[in-house]
Protein backbone atom coordinates (compact mmCIF):
# COMPACT_ATOMS: atom_id res chain seq x y z
CA LEU A 1 118.49 77.51 111.86
CA ILE A 2 122.06 77.98 113.09
CA THR A 3 122.59 78.25 116.83
CA GLY A 4 125.65 79.46 118.66
CA VAL A 5 126.41 80.92 122.06
CA ASN A 6 123.48 83.27 122.82
CA SER A 7 122.65 83.62 119.13
CA LEU A 8 120.28 82.26 116.52
CA VAL A 9 120.73 82.74 112.77
CA LEU A 10 117.79 82.02 110.48
CA GLN A 11 118.54 81.54 106.78
CA ALA A 12 116.10 80.94 103.94
CA THR A 13 115.99 81.13 100.15
CA ASN A 14 113.54 80.68 97.30
CA GLY A 15 116.28 80.59 94.67
CA GLU A 16 115.74 84.21 93.67
CA VAL A 17 116.05 85.92 97.05
CA SER A 18 118.06 84.75 100.06
CA MET A 19 117.81 86.12 103.59
CA GLU A 20 119.60 85.86 106.91
CA TYR A 21 118.27 87.16 110.22
CA ARG A 22 120.33 87.28 113.42
CA LEU A 23 118.92 87.57 116.92
CA LYS A 24 120.00 86.99 120.50
CA VAL A 25 118.59 83.96 122.33
CA ASP A 26 119.32 82.08 125.53
CA THR A 27 121.37 79.07 124.40
CA THR A 28 124.80 77.54 124.71
CA ASP A 29 124.33 74.91 121.98
CA THR A 30 126.04 75.01 118.62
CA ASP A 31 124.05 73.30 115.90
CA THR A 32 122.66 73.66 112.38
CA ILE A 33 119.26 72.21 111.52
CA LEU A 34 116.84 72.36 108.57
CA ILE A 35 113.12 73.05 109.09
CA ASN A 36 110.24 73.67 106.71
CA ALA A 37 110.17 77.47 106.76
CA ARG A 38 106.45 77.99 106.17
CA LYS A 39 105.42 75.46 108.82
CA PHE A 40 107.88 76.86 111.37
CA THR A 41 106.81 80.50 110.89
CA ASP A 42 103.11 79.57 110.91
CA ILE A 43 103.57 77.79 114.25
CA VAL A 44 105.66 80.52 115.90
CA SER A 45 103.29 83.29 114.75
CA ARG A 46 100.43 81.59 116.62
CA LEU A 47 102.30 81.28 119.91
CA SER A 48 102.78 83.94 122.57
CA GLY A 49 105.11 84.54 125.47
CA ASP A 50 108.47 82.83 125.84
CA ILE A 51 109.16 80.06 123.32
CA THR A 52 111.58 77.19 123.84
CA PHE A 53 112.88 74.99 121.06
CA ASP A 54 114.70 71.72 121.72
CA ASP A 55 115.37 69.01 119.13
CA GLY A 56 112.24 69.77 117.11
CA VAL A 57 109.96 70.31 120.12
CA ILE A 58 108.45 73.78 120.41
CA LYS A 59 106.94 74.79 123.74
CA ALA A 60 105.07 77.96 124.67
CA GLY A 61 102.56 78.36 127.48
CA LYS A 62 100.49 75.16 127.54
CA SER A 63 101.34 74.19 123.96
CA LYS A 64 103.86 71.56 122.90
CA LEU A 65 104.45 70.79 119.23
CA LYS A 66 106.82 68.34 117.59
CA ILE A 67 107.99 69.13 114.06
CA ASP A 68 110.25 67.25 111.67
CA LEU A 69 113.76 68.55 111.20
CA LYS A 70 116.94 67.48 109.50
CA ARG A 71 120.56 68.04 110.33
CA ASP A 72 122.69 70.24 108.09
CA GLU A 73 123.35 68.55 104.76
CA GLY A 74 125.75 71.21 103.52
CA TYR A 75 123.14 73.17 101.57
CA GLN A 76 124.13 76.81 101.00
CA PHE A 77 121.13 78.99 101.80
CA ILE A 78 122.82 82.34 101.35
CA ASN A 79 125.87 83.33 99.35
CA THR A 80 127.19 86.68 100.53
CA ILE A 81 128.87 89.07 98.11
CA GLU A 82 132.50 90.04 98.36
CA ALA A 83 132.54 93.47 96.73
CA ASP A 84 132.93 97.15 97.54
CA THR A 85 130.35 98.37 100.03
CA ILE A 86 128.36 101.59 99.88
CA THR A 87 126.17 103.10 102.60
CA LEU A 88 122.53 103.83 101.85
CA ASN A 89 119.69 105.29 103.91
CA ILE A 90 116.97 102.89 102.92
CA LYS A 91 113.89 105.02 103.70
CA GLU A 92 113.54 106.99 100.46
CA LEU A 93 114.37 103.94 98.36
CA GLN A 94 111.59 102.03 100.15
CA THR A 95 109.12 104.87 99.63
CA GLY A 96 109.83 105.05 95.92
CA ILE A 97 109.64 101.29 95.45
CA LYS A 98 106.40 101.04 97.46
CA ASN A 99 104.65 103.70 95.38
CA ARG A 100 105.87 102.44 92.00
CA LEU A 101 105.82 98.66 92.43
CA PHE A 102 102.18 98.48 91.29
CA ALA A 103 103.18 99.24 87.68
CA CYS A 104 105.50 96.24 87.28
CA ASP A 105 104.40 93.66 84.72
CA THR A 106 104.51 90.66 87.04
CA MET A 107 103.53 88.33 84.17
CA ALA A 108 106.53 89.36 82.07
CA GLN A 109 109.65 87.23 81.82
CA ASN A 110 111.93 90.21 81.20
CA VAL A 111 113.07 93.51 82.70
CA LEU A 112 109.51 94.89 82.85
CA SER A 113 108.81 92.52 85.75
CA GLY A 114 111.31 94.44 87.88
CA VAL A 115 112.09 97.91 89.22
CA TYR A 116 114.60 100.03 87.33
CA LEU A 117 116.89 102.29 89.33
CA ASN A 118 119.23 104.95 88.06
CA LYS A 119 120.96 107.59 90.12
CA ASP A 120 117.96 109.92 90.08
CA GLU A 121 114.81 107.86 89.56
CA ILE A 122 112.88 104.70 90.33
CA VAL A 123 110.92 103.46 87.31
CA THR A 124 108.38 100.71 86.60
CA CYS A 125 106.38 99.94 83.47
CA ASN A 126 103.78 97.37 82.36
CA GLY A 127 102.89 98.51 78.85
CA ASN A 128 99.85 100.56 79.89
CA ILE A 129 101.34 102.47 82.82
CA LEU A 130 104.76 104.06 83.30
CA ALA A 131 105.51 105.15 86.87
CA LEU A 132 108.48 107.25 88.03
CA TYR A 133 109.65 108.43 91.42
CA SER A 134 112.23 111.23 91.63
CA LEU A 135 114.86 110.79 94.35
CA SER A 136 115.92 113.78 96.44
CA GLU A 137 119.44 112.34 96.76
CA GLN A 138 121.29 110.45 94.06
CA LEU A 139 121.78 106.74 94.55
CA PRO A 140 125.46 105.84 94.94
CA PHE A 141 125.47 103.32 92.05
CA ASP A 142 124.69 103.15 88.34
CA THR A 143 121.61 101.68 86.72
CA VAL A 144 120.28 98.34 88.01
CA ILE A 145 117.03 96.40 87.69
CA LEU A 146 115.79 94.79 90.90
CA GLY A 147 113.55 91.73 90.76
CA ASN A 148 109.98 92.12 91.99
CA LYS A 149 110.34 89.61 94.86
CA LEU A 150 113.55 91.27 96.01
CA CYS A 151 111.78 94.64 96.11
CA GLN A 152 108.98 93.19 98.22
CA GLU A 153 111.53 91.91 100.73
CA ILE A 154 113.34 95.28 100.78
CA LEU A 155 110.03 96.84 101.83
CA LYS A 156 109.46 94.30 104.62
CA CYS A 157 112.95 93.75 106.02
CA PHE A 158 114.34 97.19 106.78
CA ASN A 159 112.99 99.96 108.96
CA ASP A 160 114.41 103.45 108.34
CA GLU A 161 118.00 102.39 108.93
CA VAL A 162 121.41 102.64 107.36
CA VAL A 163 122.09 99.68 105.08
CA GLN A 164 125.35 98.49 103.56
CA VAL A 165 124.99 97.63 99.86
CA SER A 166 127.33 95.42 97.84
CA MET A 167 126.84 94.58 94.19
CA THR A 168 128.16 92.38 91.40
CA ASN A 169 127.02 92.14 87.78
CA ASN A 170 124.11 89.88 88.66
CA LYS A 171 123.50 90.11 92.43
CA VAL A 172 122.99 92.72 95.12
CA MET A 173 123.36 92.37 98.89
CA LEU A 174 121.76 94.67 101.46
CA LYS A 175 122.93 94.30 105.04
CA SER A 176 121.88 95.93 108.31
CA ASP A 177 122.83 95.01 111.88
CA LYS A 178 120.41 92.07 111.97
CA ILE A 179 119.41 91.28 108.39
CA THR A 180 121.30 90.27 105.27
CA LEU A 181 119.31 90.17 102.02
CA VAL A 182 120.76 88.87 98.73
CA GLY A 183 118.87 88.93 95.45
CA SER A 184 119.39 88.60 91.73
CA LEU A 185 119.55 91.59 89.40
CA LEU A 186 117.55 91.33 86.21
CA GLN A 187 119.64 91.33 83.06
CA GLY A 188 118.77 93.27 79.91
CA SER A 189 118.20 96.80 78.64
CA TYR A 190 115.32 98.78 80.09
CA PRO A 191 113.15 100.64 77.54
CA ASN A 192 114.11 104.23 76.77
CA TYR A 193 111.18 105.68 78.68
CA LYS A 194 112.46 109.25 78.41
CA ALA A 195 111.84 109.13 74.65
CA ILE A 196 108.09 108.73 75.16
CA MET A 197 107.63 111.44 77.75
CA PRO A 198 104.79 113.73 76.65
CA HIS A 199 104.80 117.49 77.14
CA PRO A 200 101.23 118.27 78.21
CA GLU A 201 99.56 121.41 76.85
CA TYR A 202 96.65 121.35 79.31
CA HIS A 203 96.71 120.88 83.06
CA ALA A 204 94.03 120.22 85.66
CA THR A 205 94.54 120.10 89.42
CA ILE A 206 92.43 117.35 90.98
CA ASN A 207 91.71 115.99 94.45
CA LYS A 208 92.76 112.35 94.35
CA SER A 209 90.25 110.99 96.85
CA LEU A 210 87.28 112.71 95.23
CA VAL A 211 88.15 111.27 91.83
CA ILE A 212 88.75 107.75 93.22
CA ASN A 213 85.40 107.82 95.02
CA ALA A 214 83.66 108.98 91.87
CA ILE A 215 85.17 106.21 89.72
CA GLU A 216 84.44 103.54 92.33
CA LEU A 217 80.80 104.67 92.43
CA LEU A 218 80.49 104.41 88.64
CA LYS A 219 82.29 101.05 88.60
CA LEU A 220 79.13 99.66 90.16
CA ILE A 221 77.48 100.38 86.81
CA ASP A 222 80.34 99.19 84.59
CA GLU A 223 83.80 98.09 85.71
CA LYS A 224 85.57 98.38 82.37
CA SER A 225 86.02 102.03 81.48
CA CYS A 226 85.17 105.60 82.37
CA THR A 227 85.31 108.85 80.41
CA PHE A 228 86.76 112.04 81.87
CA THR A 229 85.35 115.27 80.40
CA PHE A 230 87.17 118.41 81.45
CA ASN A 231 85.30 121.71 81.34
CA GLU A 232 86.25 124.95 83.05
CA ASP A 233 86.86 124.09 86.74
CA LYS A 234 84.81 120.93 86.37
CA LEU A 235 85.42 117.24 85.70
CA ILE A 236 82.50 115.06 84.63
CA ILE A 237 83.13 111.31 84.85
CA ASN A 238 80.81 109.21 82.67
CA VAL A 239 80.03 105.52 82.45
CA GLY A 240 77.31 104.98 79.84
CA ASP A 241 74.34 107.14 80.81
CA SER A 242 75.59 107.53 84.39
CA ASN A 243 77.88 110.32 85.53
CA THR A 244 79.18 112.21 88.52
CA GLU A 245 80.86 115.59 88.76
CA VAL A 246 84.02 116.67 90.60
CA ASP A 247 85.31 120.22 91.11
CA VAL A 248 88.80 120.71 89.69
CA LYS A 249 91.07 123.58 88.79
CA TYR A 250 91.08 123.76 84.99
CA SER A 251 90.85 126.50 82.37
CA GLY A 252 91.79 124.76 79.10
CA ILE A 253 89.66 123.60 76.19
CA ASP A 254 86.87 121.07 76.69
CA MET A 255 88.34 117.56 76.43
CA SER A 256 86.97 114.02 76.82
CA ILE A 257 89.35 111.11 77.47
CA THR A 258 88.43 107.46 78.15
CA PHE A 259 90.39 105.26 80.56
CA ASN A 260 90.44 101.77 81.95
CA SER A 261 88.76 102.34 85.33
CA ASN A 262 90.99 99.94 87.28
CA TYR A 263 94.18 101.37 85.79
CA MET A 264 93.15 104.90 86.75
CA ILE A 265 92.26 103.90 90.31
CA ASN A 266 95.59 102.05 90.72
CA CYS A 267 97.52 105.06 89.47
CA LEU A 268 95.75 107.45 91.83
CA LYS A 269 95.91 105.19 94.89
CA ASN A 270 99.67 104.82 94.50
CA ILE A 271 100.32 108.55 94.66
CA ASP A 272 101.10 109.93 98.11
CA SER A 273 99.71 113.43 97.67
CA GLU A 274 96.00 114.26 97.80
CA VAL A 275 96.54 116.95 95.16
CA VAL A 276 97.51 115.64 91.74
CA GLU A 277 98.19 117.50 88.50
CA PHE A 278 96.55 115.86 85.52
CA GLY A 279 98.24 116.74 82.20
CA PHE A 280 97.28 115.92 78.62
CA ILE A 281 97.73 116.93 74.98
CA ASN A 282 94.66 115.31 73.41
CA ASN A 283 92.41 112.29 73.96
CA LYS A 284 94.75 109.85 72.19
CA SER A 285 98.12 110.48 73.85
CA ALA A 286 99.36 109.40 77.26
CA VAL A 287 98.20 111.52 80.18
CA THR A 288 100.38 112.43 83.15
CA LEU A 289 99.48 112.32 86.82
CA SER A 290 102.17 114.17 88.71
CA THR A 291 103.29 115.55 92.05
CA ASP A 292 106.66 117.01 93.01
CA LYS A 293 108.11 113.49 93.49
CA GLU A 294 105.98 111.22 91.34
CA LEU A 295 105.06 111.03 87.68
CA THR A 296 102.69 108.44 86.22
CA LEU A 297 101.90 108.01 82.54
CA LEU A 298 98.64 106.27 81.64
CA MET A 299 97.52 105.39 78.14
CA PRO A 300 93.88 106.22 77.33
CA ILE A 301 91.47 103.91 75.55
CA VAL A 302 91.30 105.12 71.95
CA ARG A 303 87.98 104.34 70.31
């Protein structure tokens, strides 16, 4: 915590992402103190009304709590970036990241753990699912790979506002009127996902919620997998000897494809539209789930 005349600056870092938040407070003191961040936020979140803080003593209402603190020991919590600044409306970037973040491979120690951005698309991949989001306006920078934790903070910190972005080879800084966020960029080459894009021969238009409800019902029988059988204007979802039927718009050949049930539900739940186009070539190649903004590739289970 850094206090100045009528201001309070909170800084924190976990080594990968650093953050600074500025707000106006009633104070004339100038000081810098170190506090355990989790303990401090847990305490403040449970208090209501006006809060006073004086030399480690927090008071609010009838509560008075004393916490340990240290004086500034010269530790650098946030290193800002001195580089050219570009202006970015954060809303569409947040929407794309939110809908595609589920497909990151959070267990990976490489670029697949992050979110890939080029001028036109937001992309994530975990080996079984490839998820893309098409941007309506080009991003004003070349390809970068944002770390997963940084993306989560981008979603939480900014609220439909104009953000100033600065970037070096290995770091990016996003700054609004109150918040400064600095995070590491992942280094390495992202897979050439365009080379594996299928060109579906058959298309079915499905209602997302109806299909999710059907799979979740059958998951009570078996959680592992489900088989989609497309007939004319009909989708039959099977798990063993159990099945349920969903009306769809389809006029291609009869086709049965088996999927991991959890993967399919995750893909569908992270699509904004209720109406989704389901595309496929055969029962062994990747299927596409697409809307005007989103495209998800899911690998079937090949028996």
